[in-house]
């Protein structure tokens, strides 16, 4: 009997996940369609880019600085044991460009963005402001969802670029102070071994992460119910689900990009 209950719960969970995926896909498709139609409210998109990108920049820079220094410590410690500490530049920068920069930006900065979008839209949903937008003849997907999707998809790669630069600077500082690898040797190794594919793959990942983060946040925010408590639950669900989506998509994209 307990086995049957467990199987029923599993089936119910799978059914709910598939249904949610379908609803998110329909919402995103409709929002993209609205975003490409005229007239476009460019002021809405610009405002969301400011909200998502510029206000997240201090967090991205702080996170990236410490991440780059820690990564340089770890790589330097391991390489020094094998007498290869001169390779600290290329190993650190490749790791930052291909993986650490995009994934940390998506998880740390994306968590802030996800919570903010979900709470904002959730507050509008529970106070019936979304219904008021419909009553006034406007489309909530065009005014609320599409600008946030586009802004986050554009802002996440830009934030990742800033994070990459700061992380490399932090790694260069540690390489020089801790392991005696000067900036010239560090940058020479980077120039010889790191190519545009390493940098481009990270930017591609970050754009996908931004799109996923915004889609999950908008969907959970618009589904919020039952007052402020419901808004809190929606924001929490959005952060957790978006983080899982980022990690799962990172694995898939890493595998695909390695083959290409």
Foldseek 3Di string as FASTA:
>chain_A
DVVVVVVVVVVVVVVVVVVLVVVLVVLVVVLVVLCPDPPADVVLLVVLLCVQAVVLQVVLLVVLLVVLQVLLVVVCVVCVVVPRNLLSQQVSLLCLQQPVLQLVCLQRSLLVLLLVLLLVLLQCQAVVVCVVCVVVVHDCSRRRQNSQLVSLLVRQLVSSVSSSVSSSVSSQVCCCPPVNNHPVSSVVSCVVPPDVLSNVNSSVLRSVLSNLLSSLSNSLSNPFYDPPVSSVVSSVVSSVVSSVVSVVVSVVSVVVSVVD
